[in-house]
C-alpha cells in the first residue's frame, strides 16, 4: 500500500468515527430525556454550567 492510500484510509476512518460519535451522543441524550424528562435534564445542565463558572 502506498502512503496516499494509507492517508485516505486514515481520513475515512476519522470521518466515520466522528459520524458514529455523533449518533451515539444523540442516542445517549434521547435516552436521558426519556428516562428523566426534559425539565430534569435541562435543570441538571443549568446546574452543571453554574458550577463550572
Protein backbone atom coordinates (compact mmCIF):
# COMPACT_ATOMS: atom_id res chain seq x y z
CA UNK A 1 0.00 0.00 0.00
CA UNK A 2 1.20 3.44 -0.81
CA UNK A 3 1.32 6.36 1.59
CA UNK A 4 -1.58 8.13 -0.13
CA UNK A 5 -3.76 5.02 0.24
CA UNK A 6 -2.95 4.83 3.93
CA UNK A 7 -3.71 8.52 4.42
CA UNK A 8 -7.01 8.15 2.56
CA UNK A 9 -7.93 5.17 4.69
CA UNK A 10 -6.99 7.06 7.85
CA UNK A 11 -9.11 10.05 6.79
CA UNK A 12 -12.07 7.76 6.08
CA UNK A 13 -11.76 6.10 9.47
CA UNK A 14 -11.57 9.51 11.18
CA UNK A 15 -14.71 10.76 9.42
CA UNK A 16 -16.64 7.58 10.15
CA UNK A 17 -15.58 7.77 13.80
CA UNK A 18 -16.96 11.30 14.05
CA UNK A 19 -20.26 10.27 12.48
CA UNK A 20 -20.62 7.30 14.83
CA UNK A 21 -19.76 9.51 17.83
CA UNK A 22 -22.49 11.98 16.86
CA UNK A 23 -25.09 9.22 16.63
CA UNK A 24 -24.01 7.70 19.95
CA UNK A 25 -24.15 11.11 21.63
CA UNK A 26 -27.62 11.71 20.22
CA UNK A 27 -28.81 8.30 21.40
CA UNK A 28 -27.48 8.94 24.91
CA UNK A 29 -29.24 12.32 25.01
CA UNK A 30 -32.54 10.84 23.83
CA UNK A 31 -32.32 8.06 26.42
CA UNK A 32 -31.66 10.61 29.18
CA UNK A 33 -34.66 12.63 28.01
CA UNK A 34 -36.91 9.57 28.07
CA UNK A 35 -35.66 8.45 31.48
CA UNK A 36 -35.65 11.73 33.37
CA UNK A 37 -37.80 14.08 31.31
CA UNK A 38 -36.77 17.26 29.58
CA UNK A 39 -37.16 19.52 32.62
CA UNK A 40 -34.81 17.43 34.77
CA UNK A 41 -32.21 17.11 32.02
CA UNK A 42 -32.22 20.85 31.34
CA UNK A 43 -32.13 21.68 35.06
CA UNK A 44 -29.10 19.42 35.54
CA UNK A 45 -27.42 21.08 32.58
CA UNK A 46 -28.04 24.54 34.02
CA UNK A 47 -26.72 23.43 37.41
CA UNK A 48 -23.58 21.96 35.85
CA UNK A 49 -22.98 25.15 33.89
CA UNK A 50 -23.36 27.28 37.04
CA UNK A 51 -20.88 25.10 38.94
CA UNK A 52 -18.32 25.47 36.17
CA UNK A 53 -18.40 29.29 36.15
